[in-house]
Amino acid sequence: MYIQKIFTKHGWMNDTYHSPSRNIPMRSDSKYLFEIENTKGPTDEDEKVALELKMKFNYRQALGEVLYAMVTCRPDISIAVTKLSQYSQNPAEVHYVALKNMFRYLRNTKDDGLVFWRKTVFKMNLIKFQTLPQMYSDPEIQKELLSDKTCNSDLGTMTAFVDSDWAGDTQHRKSITGLAVMFAGSVIAYKSKIQQTIALSSTEAEFVAACEAGKMILYLRTILEEMNIDQNEATILYEDNQGALMMANAQQPTRRTRHIDTATFALQDWVARDLLNLEFVVSTKNKSDGMTKPLARVLFYKHFDVLMGRLIPKQFRKENIEIDETENGQHSTTTTTNS
């Protein structure tokens, strides 16, 4: 296991630190984030070496190792990696500590990954039955997710979430684009990226993020088409900014948005061609929120239970499934009701 190898390599298997509650990749309180963003690391090479010896690991190397995990199957650490990558040139001690705390989170969730689901259940005569994934959210949050329409789309239909944290970083004030594309019950493409220019309004930042999401959606639609999984209807893109939503659907720029690069307005063309359909979703239900900024524990697990496929699709839920023993001692799964 990749994460296990990293811990063994760095000698962290005997780390005795245990969080008093279920930990998260990065703390979300503003005072802590301000310290992360404004603490300067040493610039002198001797001081850098001394700090590295004190912390007992190489910052850039460890960051590269965790980056691989993020890209392959761990969208839950995307924003933490994006944030800490900005200080790889001259990391301070607070950045080392934040990176090691992220590794502690990975240690506690080393068996996690992306869970994908079939559209229909089938007899598993040749495959040993696996237990269904467990959600980390509180029971009340789980009930909310099970009834939320944005979390329960058809497994064969692609949907997407997009968000932007406007000017959240106090060092450069560039916004962060966060997007997640869902298919087969889990995320198939995700991004947490600092925007190239400084947005003059939250609407501009959200509109630029929506355009980025639109490009990814169109690319994925072509891949699904090549696989004969046609998306006959427009892909729903959930957006929590009313201004960006109205701009995309109005099919014309306003006086206050003419400074935005004209290429961004391709989004309006995609909407007009019925390739995308932007729908409003409140911020607390926007699953890409955790790709733009560190979240508090409750909201973090609420969003990533969905994005990582731990939310069981309705046709696989307990009231619709029964597990039967087969003659050879293995298990099979059959539906008892139609969904």
C-alpha atoms as a PDB file:
ATOM      1  CA  MET A   1       0.000   0.000   0.000  1.00  0.00           C
ATOM      2  CA  TYR A   2       1.392   3.362  -1.114  1.00  0.00           C
ATOM      3  CA  ILE A   3       0.602   5.372   2.022  1.00  0.00           C
ATOM      4  CA  GLN A   4       1.955   2.590   4.214  1.00  0.00           C
ATOM      5  CA  LYS A   5       5.230   2.674   2.260  1.00  0.00           C
ATOM      6  CA  ILE A   6       5.556   6.432   2.805  1.00  0.00           C
ATOM      7  CA  PHE A   7       5.119   6.092   6.559  1.00  0.00           C
ATOM      8  CA  THR A   8       7.593   3.246   6.737  1.00  0.00           C
ATOM      9  CA  LYS A   9      10.130   5.215   4.682  1.00  0.00           C
ATOM     10  CA  HIS A  10       9.935   8.248   6.970  1.00  0.00           C
ATOM     11  CA  GLY A  11       9.858   6.186  10.140  1.00  0.00           C
ATOM     12  CA  TRP A  12       6.440   7.473  11.153  1.00  0.00           C
ATOM     13  CA  MET A  13       4.868   4.112  11.913  1.00  0.00           C
ATOM     14  CA  ASN A  14       5.585   4.636  15.623  1.00  0.00           C
ATOM     15  CA  ASP A  15       4.057   8.118  15.727  1.00  0.00           C
ATOM     16  CA  THR A  16       2.034   8.146  18.956  1.00  0.00           C
ATOM     17  CA  TYR A  17      -0.011  11.284  18.225  1.00  0.00           C
ATOM     18  CA  HIS A  18      -3.766  10.684  18.255  1.00  0.00           C
ATOM     19  CA  SER A  19      -6.346  13.360  17.554  1.00  0.00           C
ATOM     20  CA  PRO A  20      -8.999  13.725  20.288  1.00  0.00           C
ATOM     21  CA  SER A  21     -11.639  13.474  17.534  1.00  0.00           C
ATOM     22  CA  ARG A  22     -11.769  12.428  13.904  1.00  0.00           C
ATOM     23  CA  ASN A  23      -9.123  14.579  12.271  1.00  0.00           C
ATOM     24  CA  ILE A  24      -9.177  16.492   8.980  1.00  0.00           C
ATOM     25  CA  PRO A  25      -6.380  17.299   6.466  1.00  0.00           C
ATOM     26  CA  MET A  26      -6.067  20.966   7.506  1.00  0.00           C
ATOM     27  CA  ARG A  27      -7.583  23.155  10.200  1.00  0.00           C
ATOM     28  CA  SER A  28     -10.127  25.665   8.953  1.00  0.00           C
ATOM     29  CA  ASP A  29     -10.021  28.474  11.532  1.00  0.00           C
ATOM     30  CA  SER A  30      -9.050  31.853  10.094  1.00  0.00           C
ATOM     31  CA  LYS A  31      -6.309  32.572  12.653  1.00  0.00           C
ATOM     32  CA  TYR A  32      -4.492  29.355  11.735  1.00  0.00           C
ATOM     33  CA  LEU A  33      -4.834  29.956   7.975  1.00  0.00           C
ATOM     34  CA  PHE A  34      -3.521  33.508   8.394  1.00  0.00           C
ATOM     35  CA  GLU A  35      -0.460  32.074  10.150  1.00  0.00           C
ATOM     36  CA  ILE A  36       0.049  29.551   7.345  1.00  0.00           C
ATOM     37  CA  GLU A  37      -0.190  32.258   4.674  1.00  0.00           C
ATOM     38  CA  ASN A  38       1.930  34.926   6.338  1.00  0.00           C
ATOM     39  CA  THR A  39       4.742  33.038   8.069  1.00  0.00           C
ATOM     40  CA  LYS A  40       7.987  33.338   6.133  1.00  0.00           C
ATOM     41  CA  GLY A  41      10.416  30.461   6.040  1.00  0.00           C
ATOM     42  CA  PRO A  42      14.212  30.782   6.125  1.00  0.00           C
ATOM     43  CA  THR A  43      15.948  31.888   2.905  1.00  0.00           C
ATOM     44  CA  ASP A  44      19.486  31.053   3.972  1.00  0.00           C
ATOM     45  CA  GLU A  45      20.508  27.563   2.859  1.00  0.00           C
ATOM     46  CA  ASP A  46      22.123  26.682   6.190  1.00  0.00           C
ATOM     47  CA  GLU A  47      18.951  27.684   8.029  1.00  0.00           C
ATOM     48  CA  LYS A  48      16.872  25.592   5.611  1.00  0.00           C
ATOM     49  CA  VAL A  49      19.040  22.548   6.262  1.00  0.00           C
ATOM     50  CA  ALA A  50      18.867  23.115  10.025  1.00  0.00           C
ATOM     51  CA  LEU A  51      15.060  23.301   9.913  1.00  0.00           C
ATOM     52  CA  GLU A  52      14.856  20.166   7.796  1.00  0.00           C
ATOM     53  CA  LEU A  53      17.066  18.286  10.261  1.00  0.00           C
ATOM     54  CA  LYS A  54      14.885  19.493  13.120  1.00  0.00           C
ATOM     55  CA  MET A  55      11.664  18.327  11.425  1.00  0.00           C
ATOM     56  CA  LYS A  56      13.317  15.070  10.250  1.00  0.00           C
ATOM     57  CA  PHE A  57      11.935  15.033   6.699  1.00  0.00           C
ATOM     58  CA  ASN A  58      12.335  16.886   3.426  1.00  0.00           C
ATOM     59  CA  TYR A  59       9.362  19.181   2.823  1.00  0.00           C
ATOM     60  CA  ARG A  60       9.379  19.141  -0.972  1.00  0.00           C
ATOM     61  CA  GLN A  61       9.914  15.401  -1.168  1.00  0.00           C
ATOM     62  CA  ALA A  62       7.068  14.665   1.247  1.00  0.00           C
ATOM     63  CA  LEU A  63       4.824  17.085  -0.632  1.00  0.00           C
ATOM     64  CA  GLY A  64       5.575  15.286  -3.894  1.00  0.00           C
ATOM     65  CA  GLU A  65       4.720  11.953  -2.288  1.00  0.00           C
ATOM     66  CA  VAL A  66       1.357  13.156  -1.021  1.00  0.00           C
ATOM     67  CA  LEU A  67       0.670  14.864  -4.368  1.00  0.00           C
ATOM     68  CA  TYR A  68       0.638  11.446  -6.055  1.00  0.00           C
ATOM     69  CA  ALA A  69      -1.962  10.201  -3.607  1.00  0.00           C
ATOM     70  CA  MET A  70      -4.087  13.302  -4.223  1.00  0.00           C
ATOM     71  CA  VAL A  71      -4.001  12.938  -8.017  1.00  0.00           C
ATOM     72  CA  THR A  72      -4.842   9.247  -8.070  1.00  0.00           C
ATOM     73  CA  CYS A  73      -7.669   8.802  -5.576  1.00  0.00           C
ATOM     74  CA  ARG A  74      -7.670  11.308  -2.711  1.00  0.00           C
ATOM     75  CA  PRO A  75      -9.623  14.469  -3.605  1.00  0.00           C
ATOM     76  CA  ASP A  76     -10.164  15.062   0.113  1.00  0.00           C
ATOM     77  CA  ILE A  77      -6.613  16.411   0.511  1.00  0.00           C
ATOM     78  CA  SER A  78      -6.681  18.581  -2.634  1.00  0.00           C
ATOM     79  CA  ILE A  79      -7.006  21.975  -0.991  1.00  0.00           C
ATOM     80  CA  ALA A  80      -4.447  21.150   1.710  1.00  0.00           C
ATOM     81  CA  VAL A  81      -1.902  20.126  -0.937  1.00  0.00           C
ATOM     82  CA  THR A  82      -2.704  23.208  -3.045  1.00  0.00           C
ATOM     83  CA  LYS A  83      -2.238  25.480  -0.043  1.00  0.00           C
ATOM     84  CA  LEU A  84       1.001  23.940   1.230  1.00  0.00           C
ATOM     85  CA  SER A  85       2.539  23.726  -2.250  1.00  0.00           C
ATOM     86  CA  GLN A  86       2.783  27.512  -2.321  1.00  0.00           C
ATOM     87  CA  TYR A  87       5.508  27.409   0.361  1.00  0.00           C
ATOM     88  CA  SER A  88       7.702  24.639  -1.049  1.00  0.00           C
ATOM     89  CA  GLN A  89      10.514  27.088  -1.871  1.00  0.00           C
ATOM     90  CA  ASN A  90      10.985  28.428   1.668  1.00  0.00           C
ATOM     91  CA  PRO A  91       8.798  26.459   4.093  1.00  0.00           C
ATOM     92  CA  ALA A  92       8.595  27.552   7.706  1.00  0.00           C
ATOM     93  CA  GLU A  93       8.133  25.267  10.693  1.00  0.00           C
ATOM     94  CA  VAL A  94       4.364  25.863  10.665  1.00  0.00           C
ATOM     95  CA  HIS A  95       4.245  24.492   7.108  1.00  0.00           C
ATOM     96  CA  TYR A  96       6.203  21.385   8.115  1.00  0.00           C
ATOM     97  CA  VAL A  97       3.794  20.785  10.985  1.00  0.00           C
ATOM     98  CA  ALA A  98       0.751  21.288   8.735  1.00  0.00           C
ATOM     99  CA  LEU A  99       2.151  18.803   6.206  1.00  0.00           C
ATOM    100  CA  LYS A 100       2.814  16.211   8.891  1.00  0.00           C
ATOM    101  CA  ASN A 101      -0.726  16.671  10.245  1.00  0.00           C
ATOM    102  CA  MET A 102      -2.005  15.920   6.756  1.00  0.00           C
ATOM    103  CA  PHE A 103       0.019  12.713   6.790  1.00  0.00           C
ATOM    104  CA  ARG A 104      -1.548  11.832  10.136  1.00  0.00           C
ATOM    105  CA  TYR A 105      -4.951  12.253   8.512  1.00  0.00           C
ATOM    106  CA  LEU A 106      -3.852   9.925   5.711  1.00  0.00           C
ATOM    107  CA  ARG A 107      -2.631   7.393   8.273  1.00  0.00           C
ATOM    108  CA  ASN A 108      -6.077   7.283   9.884  1.00  0.00           C
ATOM    109  CA  THR A 109      -7.794   6.979   6.489  1.00  0.00           C
ATOM    110  CA  LYS A 110      -5.212   4.934   4.606  1.00  0.00           C
ATOM    111  CA  ASP A 111      -7.833   2.431   3.432  1.00  0.00           C
ATOM    112  CA  ASP A 112     -10.044   5.139   1.915  1.00  0.00           C
ATOM    113  CA  GLY A 113     -10.354   5.727  -1.805  1.00  0.00           C
ATOM    114  CA  LEU A 114     -12.957   6.277  -4.494  1.00  0.00           C
ATOM    115  CA  VAL A 115     -15.929   3.899  -4.532  1.00  0.00           C
ATOM    116  CA  PHE A 116     -17.716   3.439  -7.862  1.00  0.00           C
ATOM    117  CA  TRP A 117     -21.076   1.738  -8.312  1.00  0.00           C
ATOM    118  CA  ARG A 118     -22.804  -0.205 -11.075  1.00  0.00           C
ATOM    119  CA  LYS A 119     -26.197   0.937 -12.312  1.00  0.00           C
ATOM    120  CA  THR A 120     -27.752  -2.409 -11.362  1.00  0.00           C
ATOM    121  CA  VAL A 121     -26.915  -5.085  -8.847  1.00  0.00           C
ATOM    122  CA  PHE A 122     -25.887  -8.515 -10.073  1.00  0.00           C
ATOM    123  CA  LYS A 123     -25.171 -11.987  -8.740  1.00  0.00           C
ATOM    124  CA  MET A 124     -21.650 -12.067  -7.392  1.00  0.00           C
ATOM    125  CA  ASN A 125     -20.981 -15.780  -7.803  1.00  0.00           C
ATOM    126  CA  LEU A 126     -17.321 -15.288  -8.698  1.00  0.00           C
ATOM    127  CA  ILE A 127     -16.545 -12.306  -6.497  1.00  0.00           C
ATOM    128  CA  LYS A 128     -16.555 -12.472  -2.736  1.00  0.00           C
ATOM    129  CA  PHE A 129     -19.102 -10.048  -1.371  1.00  0.00           C
ATOM    130  CA  GLN A 130     -17.581  -6.882   0.028  1.00  0.00           C
ATOM    131  CA  THR A 131     -19.160  -4.916   2.849  1.00  0.00           C
ATOM    132  CA  LEU A 132     -20.745  -1.626   1.837  1.00  0.00           C
ATOM    133  CA  PRO A 133     -18.661   1.501   2.592  1.00  0.00           C
ATOM    134  CA  GLN A 134     -19.290   3.299   5.846  1.00  0.00           C
ATOM    135  CA  MET A 135     -20.048   7.013   5.915  1.00  0.00           C
ATOM    136  CA  TYR A 136     -18.154   9.240   8.350  1.00  0.00           C
ATOM    137  CA  SER A 137     -20.873  11.868   8.756  1.00  0.00           C
ATOM    138  CA  ASP A 138     -23.168  12.021  11.760  1.00  0.00           C
ATOM    139  CA  PRO A 139     -26.504  10.143  11.422  1.00  0.00           C
ATOM    140  CA  GLU A 140     -28.490  13.367  10.968  1.00  0.00           C
ATOM    141  CA  ILE A 141     -26.190  14.482   8.158  1.00  0.00           C
ATOM    142  CA  GLN A 142     -26.522  11.065   6.542  1.00  0.00           C
ATOM    143  CA  LYS A 143     -30.301  11.411   6.499  1.00  0.00           C
ATOM    144  CA  GLU A 144     -29.948  14.804   4.847  1.00  0.00           C
ATOM    145  CA  LEU A 145     -27.653  13.411   2.152  1.00  0.00           C
ATOM    146  CA  LEU A 146     -29.923  10.462   1.439  1.00  0.00           C
ATOM    147  CA  SER A 147     -32.768  12.851   0.619  1.00  0.00           C
ATOM    148  CA  ASP A 148     -30.700  15.483  -1.228  1.00  0.00           C
ATOM    149  CA  LYS A 149     -31.436  15.396  -4.976  1.00  0.00           C
ATOM    150  CA  THR A 150     -27.969  16.731  -5.832  1.00  0.00           C
ATOM    151  CA  CYS A 151     -26.449  13.603  -4.256  1.00  0.00           C
ATOM    152  CA  ASN A 152     -28.772  11.067  -5.839  1.00  0.00           C
ATOM    153  CA  SER A 153     -28.482  11.468  -9.596  1.00  0.00           C
ATOM    154  CA  ASP A 154     -28.687   8.464 -11.895  1.00  0.00           C
ATOM    155  CA  LEU A 155     -25.446   6.463 -11.841  1.00  0.00           C
ATOM    156  CA  GLY A 156     -25.188   6.630 -15.634  1.00  0.00           C
ATOM    157  CA  THR A 157     -25.593  10.410 -15.761  1.00  0.00           C
ATOM    158  CA  MET A 158     -22.701  12.793 -15.239  1.00  0.00           C
ATOM    159  CA  THR A 159     -23.185  15.764 -12.898  1.00  0.00           C
ATOM    160  CA  ALA A 160     -20.753  18.375 -11.623  1.00  0.00           C
ATOM    161  CA  PHE A 161     -20.197  20.886  -8.828  1.00  0.00           C
ATOM    162  CA  VAL A 162     -18.140  24.068  -9.067  1.00  0.00           C
ATOM    163  CA  ASP A 163     -17.179  26.718  -6.526  1.00  0.00           C
ATOM    164  CA  SER A 164     -14.654  29.475  -5.953  1.00  0.00           C
ATOM    165  CA  ASP A 165     -13.179  30.963  -2.793  1.00  0.00           C
ATOM    166  CA  TRP A 166     -13.004  34.639  -3.735  1.00  0.00           C
ATOM    167  CA  ALA A 167      -9.740  36.332  -2.733  1.00  0.00           C
ATOM    168  CA  GLY A 168      -9.388  34.006   0.225  1.00  0.00           C
ATOM    169  CA  ASP A 169      -5.580  33.954   0.340  1.00  0.00           C
ATOM    170  CA  THR A 170      -4.243  37.037   2.127  1.00  0.00           C
ATOM    171  CA  GLN A 171      -0.854  36.839   0.363  1.00  0.00           C
ATOM    172  CA  HIS A 172      -1.903  37.172  -3.278  1.00  0.00           C
ATOM    173  CA  ARG A 173      -5.721  37.511  -3.218  1.00  0.00           C
ATOM    174  CA  LYS A 174      -6.136  35.178  -6.167  1.00  0.00           C
ATOM    175  CA  SER A 175      -9.242  33.032  -6.003  1.00  0.00           C
ATOM    176  CA  ILE A 176      -9.188  29.249  -5.963  1.00  0.00           C
ATOM    177  CA  THR A 177     -11.258  27.204  -8.396  1.00  0.00           C
ATOM    178  CA  GLY A 178     -12.730  23.998  -7.031  1.00  0.00           C
ATOM    179  CA  LEU A 179     -14.642  21.563  -9.199  1.00  0.00           C
ATOM    180  CA  ALA A 180     -15.763  17.972  -9.018  1.00  0.00           C
ATOM    181  CA  VAL A 181     -17.389  15.863 -11.743  1.00  0.00           C
ATOM    182  CA  MET A 182     -19.481  12.905 -10.559  1.00  0.00           C
ATOM    183  CA  PHE A 183     -20.277   9.669 -12.383  1.00  0.00           C
ATOM    184  CA  ALA A 184     -21.167   6.169 -11.176  1.00  0.00           C
ATOM    185  CA  GLY A 185     -21.635   7.408  -7.623  1.00  0.00           C
ATOM    186  CA  SER A 186     -18.203   8.970  -7.136  1.00  0.00           C
ATOM    187  CA  VAL A 187     -15.949  11.711  -8.446  1.00  0.00           C
ATOM    188  CA  ILE A 188     -14.185  10.948 -11.745  1.00  0.00           C
ATOM    189  CA  ALA A 189     -12.440  14.299 -12.214  1.00  0.00           C
ATOM    190  CA  TYR A 190     -11.584  17.029  -9.741  1.00  0.00           C
ATOM    191  CA  LYS A 191      -9.460  20.139  -9.527  1.00  0.00           C
ATOM    192  CA  SER A 192      -8.295  22.595  -6.907  1.00  0.00           C
ATOM    193  CA  LYS A 193      -6.363  25.368  -8.641  1.00  0.00           C
ATOM    194  CA  ILE A 194      -5.373  28.983  -8.022  1.00  0.00           C
ATOM    195  CA  GLN A 195      -6.811  31.226 -10.728  1.00  0.00           C
ATOM    196  CA  GLN A 196      -4.340  33.094 -12.937  1.00  0.00           C
ATOM    197  CA  THR A 197      -5.715  36.581 -12.379  1.00  0.00           C
ATOM    198  CA  ILE A 198      -7.161  38.440  -9.411  1.00  0.00           C
ATOM    199  CA  ALA A 199     -10.943  38.537  -9.682  1.00  0.00           C
ATOM    200  CA  LEU A 200     -12.591  41.875  -8.954  1.00  0.00           C
ATOM    201  CA  SER A 201     -15.779  40.288  -7.628  1.00  0.00           C
ATOM    202  CA  SER A 202     -17.047  36.963  -6.362  1.00  0.00           C
ATOM    203  CA  THR A 203     -19.224  36.707  -9.466  1.00  0.00           C
ATOM    204  CA  GLU A 204     -16.176  36.981 -11.705  1.00  0.00           C
ATOM    205  CA  ALA A 205     -14.305  34.341  -9.718  1.00  0.00           C
ATOM    206  CA  GLU A 206     -17.296  31.982  -9.839  1.00  0.00           C
ATOM    207  CA  PHE A 207     -17.835  32.599 -13.547  1.00  0.00           C
ATOM    208  CA  VAL A 208     -14.210  31.806 -14.374  1.00  0.00           C
ATOM    209  CA  ALA A 209     -14.468  28.636 -12.254  1.00  0.00           C
ATOM    210  CA  ALA A 210     -17.680  27.614 -14.033  1.00  0.00           C
ATOM    211  CA  CYS A 211     -15.976  28.031 -17.408  1.00  0.00           C
ATOM    212  CA  GLU A 212     -13.125  25.783 -16.235  1.00  0.00           C
ATOM    213  CA  ALA A 213     -15.669  23.202 -15.113  1.00  0.00           C
ATOM    214  CA  GLY A 214     -17.447  23.480 -18.462  1.00  0.00           C
ATOM    215  CA  LYS A 215     -14.275  22.647 -20.379  1.00  0.00           C
ATOM    216  CA  MET A 216     -13.686  19.576 -18.244  1.00  0.00           C
ATOM    217  CA  ILE A 217     -17.305  18.444 -18.651  1.00  0.00           C
ATOM    218  CA  LEU A 218     -17.181  18.714 -22.441  1.00  0.00           C
ATOM    219  CA  TYR A 219     -13.972  16.693 -22.516  1.00  0.00           C
ATOM    220  CA  LEU A 220     -15.463  13.966 -20.325  1.00  0.00           C
ATOM    221  CA  ARG A 221     -18.653  13.886 -22.411  1.00  0.00           C
ATOM    222  CA  THR A 222     -16.570  13.045 -25.492  1.00  0.00           C
ATOM    223  CA  ILE A 223     -14.811  10.232 -23.617  1.00  0.00           C
ATOM    224  CA  LEU A 224     -18.134   8.759 -22.472  1.00  0.00           C
ATOM    225  CA  GLU A 225     -19.441   9.029 -26.029  1.00  0.00           C
ATOM    226  CA  GLU A 226     -16.439   7.029 -27.284  1.00  0.00           C
ATOM    227  CA  MET A 227     -17.321   4.394 -24.688  1.00  0.00           C
ATOM    228  CA  ASN A 228     -20.941   4.316 -25.944  1.00  0.00           C
ATOM    229  CA  ILE A 229     -22.181   5.868 -22.710  1.00  0.00           C
ATOM    230  CA  ASP A 230     -24.011   8.758 -24.319  1.00  0.00           C
ATOM    231  CA  GLN A 231     -25.094  11.732 -22.230  1.00  0.00           C
ATOM    232  CA  ASN A 232     -28.312  12.537 -24.064  1.00  0.00           C
ATOM    233  CA  GLU A 233     -29.261  15.446 -21.841  1.00  0.00           C
ATOM    234  CA  ALA A 234     -27.307  18.517 -20.807  1.00  0.00           C
ATOM    235  CA  THR A 235     -24.909  17.885 -17.937  1.00  0.00           C
ATOM    236  CA  ILE A 236     -26.071  19.628 -14.770  1.00  0.00           C
ATOM    237  CA  LEU A 237     -23.448  21.909 -13.256  1.00  0.00           C
ATOM    238  CA  TYR A 238     -24.344  22.996  -9.720  1.00  0.00           C
ATOM    239  CA  GLU A 239     -23.263  26.555  -8.915  1.00  0.00           C
ATOM    240  CA  ASP A 240     -23.864  28.525  -5.695  1.00  0.00           C
ATOM    241  CA  ASN A 241     -23.406  32.059  -7.068  1.00  0.00           C
ATOM    242  CA  GLN A 242     -26.558  33.661  -8.445  1.00  0.00           C
ATOM    243  CA  GLY A 243     -24.626  36.292 -10.393  1.00  0.00           C
ATOM    244  CA  ALA A 244     -22.540  33.772 -12.315  1.00  0.00           C
ATOM    245  CA  LEU A 245     -25.631  31.652 -12.878  1.00  0.00           C
ATOM    246  CA  MET A 246     -27.581  34.552 -14.350  1.00  0.00           C
ATOM    247  CA  MET A 247     -24.662  35.610 -16.559  1.00  0.00           C
ATOM    248  CA  ALA A 248     -24.320  32.127 -18.016  1.00  0.00           C
ATOM    249  CA  ASN A 249     -28.026  31.761 -18.684  1.00  0.00           C
ATOM    250  CA  ALA A 250     -28.533  35.335 -19.946  1.00  0.00           C
ATOM    251  CA  GLN A 251     -26.198  34.633 -22.906  1.00  0.00           C
ATOM    252  CA  GLN A 252     -24.777  38.143 -22.843  1.00  0.00           C
ATOM    253  CA  PRO A 253     -22.144  39.983 -20.779  1.00  0.00           C
ATOM    254  CA  THR A 254     -22.984  42.983 -18.649  1.00  0.00           C
ATOM    255  CA  ARG A 255     -21.129  46.276 -18.361  1.00  0.00           C
ATOM    256  CA  ARG A 256     -19.462  45.147 -15.164  1.00  0.00           C
ATOM    257  CA  THR A 257     -18.106  41.939 -16.680  1.00  0.00           C
ATOM    258  CA  ARG A 258     -16.680  43.141 -20.002  1.00  0.00           C
ATOM    259  CA  HIS A 259     -13.171  43.068 -18.534  1.00  0.00           C
ATOM    260  CA  ILE A 260     -13.385  39.279 -18.202  1.00  0.00           C
ATOM    261  CA  ASP A 261     -11.517  37.510 -20.981  1.00  0.00           C
ATOM    262  CA  THR A 262     -13.885  36.849 -23.872  1.00  0.00           C
ATOM    263  CA  ALA A 263     -12.925  33.166 -23.992  1.00  0.00           C
ATOM    264  CA  THR A 264     -14.708  32.728 -20.675  1.00  0.00           C
ATOM    265  CA  PHE A 265     -18.002  33.524 -22.377  1.00  0.00           C
ATOM    266  CA  ALA A 266     -17.801  30.258 -24.259  1.00  0.00           C
ATOM    267  CA  LEU A 267     -19.711  29.042 -21.215  1.00  0.00           C
ATOM    268  CA  GLN A 268     -22.761  30.890 -22.487  1.00  0.00           C
ATOM    269  CA  ASP A 269     -22.442  29.156 -25.848  1.00  0.00           C
ATOM    270  CA  TRP A 270     -22.289  25.728 -24.212  1.00  0.00           C
ATOM    271  CA  VAL A 271     -25.453  26.519 -22.282  1.00  0.00           C
ATOM    272  CA  ALA A 272     -27.182  27.711 -25.464  1.00  0.00           C
ATOM    273  CA  ARG A 273     -26.191  24.474 -27.247  1.00  0.00           C
ATOM    274  CA  ASP A 274     -27.733  22.443 -24.418  1.00  0.00           C
ATOM    275  CA  LEU A 275     -24.439  20.811 -23.448  1.00  0.00           C
ATOM    276  CA  LEU A 276     -24.496  22.300 -19.955  1.00  0.00           C
ATOM    277  CA  ASN A 277     -27.278  23.293 -17.636  1.00  0.00           C
ATOM    278  CA  LEU A 278     -26.296  25.463 -14.685  1.00  0.00           C
ATOM    279  CA  GLU A 279     -28.483  25.024 -11.622  1.00  0.00           C
ATOM    280  CA  PHE A 280     -28.329  26.848  -8.319  1.00  0.00           C
ATOM    281  CA  VAL A 281     -27.360  25.015  -5.149  1.00  0.00           C
ATOM    282  CA  VAL A 282     -26.917  26.546  -1.704  1.00  0.00           C
ATOM    283  CA  SER A 283     -23.333  26.732  -0.488  1.00  0.00           C
ATOM    284  CA  THR A 284     -23.824  24.161   2.264  1.00  0.00           C
ATOM    285  CA  LYS A 285     -24.837  21.599  -0.371  1.00  0.00           C
ATOM    286  CA  ASN A 286     -22.139  22.473  -2.894  1.00  0.00           C
ATOM    287  CA  LYS A 287     -19.859  19.443  -2.815  1.00  0.00           C
ATOM    288  CA  SER A 288     -16.958  21.319  -4.425  1.00  0.00           C
ATOM    289  CA  ASP A 289     -16.770  23.715  -1.465  1.00  0.00           C
ATOM    290  CA  GLY A 290     -14.065  21.559   0.101  1.00  0.00           C
ATOM    291  CA  MET A 291     -11.910  21.960  -3.022  1.00  0.00           C
ATOM    292  CA  THR A 292     -11.593  25.733  -2.508  1.00  0.00           C
ATOM    293  CA  LYS A 293     -10.792  26.079   1.198  1.00  0.00           C
ATOM    294  CA  PRO A 294     -10.266  23.960   4.325  1.00  0.00           C
ATOM    295  CA  LEU A 295     -13.580  23.050   5.923  1.00  0.00           C
ATOM    296  CA  ALA A 296     -14.658  22.383   9.475  1.00  0.00           C
ATOM    297  CA  ARG A 297     -15.023  18.731  10.408  1.00  0.00           C
ATOM    298  CA  VAL A 298     -18.813  18.348   9.992  1.00  0.00           C
ATOM    299  CA  LEU A 299     -18.979  20.022   6.584  1.00  0.00           C
ATOM    300  CA  PHE A 300     -15.801  18.296   5.398  1.00  0.00           C
ATOM    301  CA  TYR A 301     -17.137  14.790   5.953  1.00  0.00           C
ATOM    302  CA  LYS A 302     -20.577  15.769   4.669  1.00  0.00           C
ATOM    303  CA  HIS A 303     -19.146  16.716   1.275  1.00  0.00           C
ATOM    304  CA  PHE A 304     -16.499  14.031   0.899  1.00  0.00           C
ATOM    305  CA  ASP A 305     -18.817  11.203   1.904  1.00  0.00           C
ATOM    306  CA  VAL A 306     -20.561  12.035  -1.374  1.00  0.00           C
ATOM    307  CA  LEU A 307     -17.548  12.833  -3.550  1.00  0.00           C
ATOM    308  CA  MET A 308     -15.664   9.680  -2.603  1.00  0.00           C
ATOM    309  CA  GLY A 309     -18.628   7.387  -3.152  1.00  0.00           C
ATOM    310  CA  ARG A 310     -19.366   6.459   0.440  1.00  0.00           C
ATOM    311  CA  LEU A 311     -22.995   7.545   0.014  1.00  0.00           C
ATOM    312  CA  ILE A 312     -24.785   4.344  -0.997  1.00  0.00           C
ATOM    313  CA  PRO A 313     -26.941   4.800  -4.147  1.00  0.00           C
ATOM    314  CA  LYS A 314     -30.638   4.311  -3.554  1.00  0.00           C
ATOM    315  CA  GLN A 315     -30.839   1.001  -5.407  1.00  0.00           C
ATOM    316  CA  PHE A 316     -28.169  -0.439  -3.121  1.00  0.00           C
ATOM    317  CA  ARG A 317     -29.579   0.763   0.189  1.00  0.00           C
ATOM    318  CA  LYS A 318     -30.695  -1.623   2.884  1.00  0.00           C
ATOM    319  CA  GLU A 319     -34.394  -1.407   2.133  1.00  0.00           C
ATOM    320  CA  ASN A 320     -33.714  -2.413  -1.489  1.00  0.00           C
ATOM    321  CA  ILE A 321     -31.109  -5.162  -0.995  1.00  0.00           C
ATOM    322  CA  GLU A 322     -30.916  -8.576   0.528  1.00  0.00           C
ATOM    323  CA  ILE A 323     -27.772 -10.668   0.796  1.00  0.00           C
ATOM    324  CA  ASP A 324     -28.119 -14.385   0.013  1.00  0.00           C
ATOM    325  CA  GLU A 325     -25.692 -17.231   0.668  1.00  0.00           C
ATOM    326  CA  THR A 326     -24.725 -19.241  -2.423  1.00  0.00           C
ATOM    327  CA  GLU A 327     -24.021 -22.936  -2.408  1.00  0.00           C
ATOM    328  CA  ASN A 328     -20.243 -22.468  -2.389  1.00  0.00           C
ATOM    329  CA  GLY A 329     -20.321 -20.286   0.707  1.00  0.00           C
ATOM    330  CA  GLN A 330     -19.869 -16.997  -1.108  1.00  0.00           C
ATOM    331  CA  HIS A 331     -22.455 -14.257  -1.315  1.00  0.00           C
ATOM    332  CA  SER A 332     -24.661 -12.809  -3.983  1.00  0.00           C
ATOM    333  CA  THR A 333     -26.557  -9.539  -4.088  1.00  0.00           C
ATOM    334  CA  THR A 334     -30.103  -9.235  -5.432  1.00  0.00           C
ATOM    335  CA  THR A 335     -32.630  -6.424  -5.453  1.00  0.00           C
ATOM    336  CA  THR A 336     -35.993  -6.854  -3.806  1.00  0.00           C
ATOM    337  CA  THR A 337     -37.595  -3.712  -5.203  1.00  0.00           C
ATOM    338  CA  ASN A 338     -37.269  -1.750  -8.407  1.00  0.00           C
ATOM    339  CA  SER A 339     -35.678   1.697  -8.269  1.00  0.00           C
END
